[in-house]
N, C-alpha and C. Protein backbone atom coordinates (compact mmCIF):
# COMPACT_ATOMS: atom_id res chain seq x y z
N UNK A 1 -7.64 0.75 8.06
CA UNK A 1 -7.08 0.98 9.73
C UNK A 1 -5.82 1.52 10.08
N UNK A 2 -6.21 2.67 10.84
CA UNK A 2 -4.57 3.15 11.30
C UNK A 2 -4.65 2.74 12.70
N UNK A 3 -3.02 2.35 12.83
CA UNK A 3 -2.40 1.87 14.31
C UNK A 3 -1.19 2.22 13.73
N UNK A 4 -0.29 2.43 14.81
CA UNK A 4 1.17 2.59 14.80
C UNK A 4 1.82 0.99 14.93
N UNK A 5 3.13 0.95 14.41
CA UNK A 5 3.78 -0.51 14.69
C UNK A 5 3.87 -0.61 16.20
N UNK A 6 4.32 0.61 17.01
CA UNK A 6 4.75 0.09 18.29
C UNK A 6 3.06 -0.70 18.65
N UNK A 7 2.06 -0.03 18.52
CA UNK A 7 0.65 -0.54 19.01
C UNK A 7 0.53 -1.99 18.35
N UNK A 8 1.06 -2.34 16.97
CA UNK A 8 0.74 -3.97 16.57
C UNK A 8 1.66 -4.34 17.18
N UNK A 9 3.20 -4.22 17.75
CA UNK A 9 4.37 -5.03 18.38
C UNK A 9 3.44 -5.15 19.67
N UNK A 10 2.75 -4.44 20.18
CA UNK A 10 2.45 -4.63 21.83
C UNK A 10 1.19 -5.68 21.52
N UNK A 11 0.37 -5.69 20.61
CA UNK A 11 -1.00 -6.44 20.37
C UNK A 11 -0.22 -7.98 20.37
N UNK A 12 0.63 -8.09 19.14
CA UNK A 12 1.38 -9.21 19.19
C UNK A 12 1.75 -9.86 20.38
N UNK A 13 2.56 -9.09 21.44
CA UNK A 13 3.46 -9.53 22.77
C UNK A 13 1.89 -10.03 23.39
N UNK A 14 1.03 -9.20 23.43
CA UNK A 14 -0.53 -9.40 24.19
C UNK A 14 -1.01 -10.83 23.68
N UNK A 15 -1.07 -10.82 22.62
CA UNK A 15 -1.97 -12.41 22.11
C UNK A 15 -0.92 -13.74 22.15
N UNK A 16 0.60 -13.18 22.20
CA UNK A 16 1.45 -14.49 22.14
C UNK A 16 2.29 -14.64 23.46
N UNK A 17 1.84 -14.67 24.91
CA UNK A 17 2.49 -14.13 25.95
C UNK A 17 3.49 -15.06 25.96
N UNK A 18 3.57 -16.24 25.14
CA UNK A 18 5.27 -16.98 24.83
C UNK A 18 6.09 -16.42 24.84
N UNK A 19 6.05 -15.49 23.98
CA UNK A 19 7.15 -14.74 23.39
C UNK A 19 8.07 -14.03 24.71
N UNK A 20 7.35 -13.52 25.46
CA UNK A 20 8.13 -13.00 26.76
C UNK A 20 8.32 -13.90 27.43
N UNK A 21 7.62 -14.99 27.70
CA UNK A 21 8.07 -16.10 28.68
C UNK A 21 9.43 -16.67 28.15
N UNK A 22 9.61 -16.93 26.80
CA UNK A 22 10.74 -17.11 26.53
C UNK A 22 11.82 -16.19 26.24
N UNK A 23 11.75 -15.13 26.51
CA UNK A 23 12.69 -14.10 26.64
C UNK A 23 13.02 -13.75 25.37
N UNK A 24 12.00 -13.81 24.60
CA UNK A 24 12.12 -13.44 22.79
C UNK A 24 11.70 -11.89 22.83
N UNK A 25 12.91 -11.16 21.92
CA UNK A 25 12.44 -9.92 21.69
C UNK A 25 11.72 -10.01 20.03
N UNK A 26 10.87 -8.85 20.02
CA UNK A 26 10.11 -8.55 18.84
C UNK A 26 10.92 -7.28 18.31
N UNK A 27 10.52 -6.95 16.88
CA UNK A 27 10.56 -5.86 15.92
C UNK A 27 10.09 -6.18 14.88
N UNK A 28 9.55 -4.91 14.59
CA UNK A 28 8.75 -5.28 13.10
C UNK A 28 9.11 -3.79 12.26
N UNK A 29 8.97 -3.85 10.86
CA UNK A 29 8.81 -2.87 10.16
C UNK A 29 8.02 -3.03 8.85
N UNK A 30 7.25 -1.99 8.57
CA UNK A 30 6.16 -2.13 7.25
C UNK A 30 7.10 -2.23 6.04
N UNK A 31 6.80 -3.29 5.16
CA UNK A 31 7.64 -2.98 3.94
C UNK A 31 6.32 -2.57 2.87
N UNK A 32 6.50 -1.61 2.27
CA UNK A 32 5.61 -0.67 1.47
C UNK A 32 5.45 -1.62 0.21
N UNK A 33 6.83 -2.37 -0.43
CA UNK A 33 6.59 -2.81 -1.58
C UNK A 33 5.68 -4.39 -1.43
N UNK A 34 5.60 -5.05 -0.19
CA UNK A 34 5.22 -6.24 -0.43
C UNK A 34 3.95 -5.95 0.50
N UNK A 35 3.64 -4.97 1.02
CA UNK A 35 2.53 -4.59 1.62
C UNK A 35 2.19 -5.34 3.04
N UNK A 36 3.16 -5.44 3.54
CA UNK A 36 3.48 -6.55 4.52
C UNK A 36 4.32 -5.70 5.74
N UNK A 37 4.32 -6.60 6.88
CA UNK A 37 5.18 -6.14 8.43
C UNK A 37 6.16 -7.11 7.93
N UNK A 38 7.26 -6.69 8.28
CA UNK A 38 8.48 -7.83 8.48
C UNK A 38 8.66 -7.77 9.86
N UNK A 39 8.43 -9.07 10.67
CA UNK A 39 8.81 -9.49 11.74
C UNK A 39 9.78 -10.22 12.08
N UNK A 40 10.52 -9.63 13.03
CA UNK A 40 11.96 -10.31 13.59
C UNK A 40 11.84 -10.77 15.15
N UNK A 41 11.90 -11.92 15.11
CA UNK A 41 11.77 -12.47 16.62
C UNK A 41 13.47 -12.89 16.85
N UNK A 42 13.94 -12.22 18.03
CA UNK A 42 15.59 -12.61 18.58
C UNK A 42 15.22 -13.30 19.96
N UNK A 43 16.25 -13.79 19.76
CA UNK A 43 16.68 -14.57 21.42
C UNK A 43 18.40 -14.82 21.21
N UNK A 44 19.39 -14.13 21.87
CA UNK A 44 20.49 -14.44 22.08
C UNK A 44 20.56 -14.04 20.57
N UNK A 45 21.66 -15.00 20.12
CA UNK A 45 22.28 -14.88 18.34
C UNK A 45 21.34 -15.44 17.47
N UNK A 46 20.11 -15.90 17.95
CA UNK A 46 19.32 -16.44 16.85
C UNK A 46 18.25 -15.55 16.41
N UNK A 47 17.73 -15.70 15.50
CA UNK A 47 16.91 -14.75 14.78
C UNK A 47 16.03 -15.25 13.57
N UNK A 48 14.74 -15.05 13.70
CA UNK A 48 13.88 -15.30 12.81
C UNK A 48 12.97 -14.38 12.15
N UNK A 49 12.96 -14.14 10.78
CA UNK A 49 12.30 -13.17 10.28
C UNK A 49 11.24 -13.40 9.69
N UNK A 50 10.10 -13.09 9.78
CA UNK A 50 9.19 -13.77 8.86
C UNK A 50 8.06 -12.61 8.26
N UNK A 51 7.06 -12.75 7.68
CA UNK A 51 6.64 -11.66 7.09
C UNK A 51 5.04 -11.58 7.71
N UNK A 52 4.35 -10.46 7.98
CA UNK A 52 2.78 -10.49 8.31
C UNK A 52 1.93 -9.50 7.45
N UNK A 53 1.21 -10.22 6.50
CA UNK A 53 0.28 -9.57 5.66
C UNK A 53 -0.26 -8.25 6.18
N UNK A 54 -0.50 -7.42 5.60
CA UNK A 54 -1.38 -6.21 6.17
C UNK A 54 -2.44 -6.59 6.69
N UNK A 55 -3.66 -7.60 6.12
CA UNK A 55 -4.83 -7.88 6.10
C UNK A 55 -4.58 -8.67 7.64
N UNK A 56 -3.63 -9.88 7.93
CA UNK A 56 -3.53 -10.47 8.97
C UNK A 56 -3.16 -9.32 10.26
N UNK A 57 -2.34 -8.45 9.76
CA UNK A 57 -2.03 -7.08 11.02
C UNK A 57 -3.39 -6.86 11.14
N UNK A 58 -3.96 -6.27 10.26
CA UNK A 58 -5.38 -5.29 10.85
C UNK A 58 -6.14 -6.52 11.65
N UNK A 59 -6.34 -7.65 11.22
CA UNK A 59 -6.75 -8.96 11.99
C UNK A 59 -6.38 -8.77 13.54
N UNK A 60 -5.29 -8.80 13.61
CA UNK A 60 -4.36 -9.14 14.83
C UNK A 60 -5.03 -7.77 15.86
N UNK A 61 -5.04 -6.70 15.13
CA UNK A 61 -5.11 -5.46 15.72
C UNK A 61 -7.02 -5.46 16.48
N UNK A 62 -7.70 -6.24 15.63
CA UNK A 62 -9.11 -6.62 16.05
C UNK A 62 -9.25 -7.90 16.81
N UNK A 63 -8.08 -8.13 17.50
CA UNK A 63 -8.27 -9.40 18.24
C UNK A 63 -8.41 -10.85 17.65
N UNK A 64 -8.11 -10.71 16.56
CA UNK A 64 -8.07 -12.42 15.67
C UNK A 64 -6.80 -12.57 15.66
N UNK A 65 -6.60 -13.79 16.08
CA UNK A 65 -5.15 -14.16 16.41
C UNK A 65 -4.86 -14.55 14.62
N UNK A 66 -3.49 -14.69 14.45
CA UNK A 66 -2.86 -14.96 13.17
C UNK A 66 -2.47 -16.16 13.08
N UNK A 67 -3.00 -17.09 12.63
CA UNK A 67 -2.55 -18.49 12.88
C UNK A 67 -1.16 -18.84 12.40
N UNK A 68 -0.72 -17.99 11.02
CA UNK A 68 0.34 -18.44 10.71
C UNK A 68 1.45 -17.59 11.36
N UNK A 69 1.08 -16.58 12.14
CA UNK A 69 2.02 -16.08 13.03
C UNK A 69 2.36 -16.98 14.34
N UNK A 70 1.42 -17.47 14.61
CA UNK A 70 1.65 -18.39 15.64
C UNK A 70 2.08 -19.43 15.65
N UNK A 71 2.18 -19.89 14.36
CA UNK A 71 2.79 -21.49 14.15
C UNK A 71 4.39 -20.83 13.98
N UNK A 72 4.79 -19.86 13.33
CA UNK A 72 5.86 -19.25 13.05
C UNK A 72 6.50 -18.97 14.67
N UNK A 73 5.94 -18.34 15.55
CA UNK A 73 6.30 -17.96 16.77
C UNK A 73 6.76 -19.48 17.73
N UNK A 74 5.67 -20.60 17.71
CA UNK A 74 5.89 -21.66 18.04
C UNK A 74 7.02 -22.53 17.46
N UNK A 75 7.23 -22.35 16.01
CA UNK A 75 8.43 -22.83 15.59
C UNK A 75 10.03 -22.40 16.17
N UNK A 76 9.65 -21.44 16.25
CA UNK A 76 11.02 -20.37 16.84
C UNK A 76 11.30 -20.52 18.25
N UNK A 77 10.33 -21.24 19.21
CA UNK A 77 10.50 -21.38 20.37
C UNK A 77 10.85 -22.87 20.42
N UNK A 78 10.35 -23.56 19.66
CA UNK A 78 10.74 -25.13 19.71
C UNK A 78 12.42 -25.17 18.73
N UNK A 79 12.79 -24.30 18.08
CA UNK A 79 14.05 -24.20 18.05
C UNK A 79 14.98 -23.89 19.08
N UNK A 80 14.57 -22.70 20.17
CA UNK A 80 15.58 -22.59 21.01
C UNK A 80 15.63 -23.53 21.88
N UNK A 81 14.34 -24.34 22.23
CA UNK A 81 14.55 -25.35 23.26
C UNK A 81 15.46 -26.52 22.53
N UNK A 82 15.34 -26.72 21.40
CA UNK A 82 16.39 -27.65 20.68
C UNK A 82 17.77 -26.98 20.66
N UNK A 83 17.98 -25.69 20.26
CA UNK A 83 19.64 -25.47 20.15
C UNK A 83 20.05 -24.57 21.51
N UNK A 84 19.15 -24.34 21.99
CA UNK A 84 19.39 -23.17 23.36
C UNK A 84 19.47 -23.93 24.35
């Protein structure tokens, strides 16, 4: 499946609107060796990096929510509420 990392980033932001609501920025890069995207969430000085397998990224682009990524986002937001 062909798509750009910008399109994937926009899709993640669309599927998980809580990212924007909490003022979290997202960046991602593809790691050829891992065949996965490295997704970084950042707010202020806090950052969380996680990986998104290529298959999960493909599913995301097909409007299938990635449960693992959703859990990571929720944990990151929870950490900001506790520490932020």
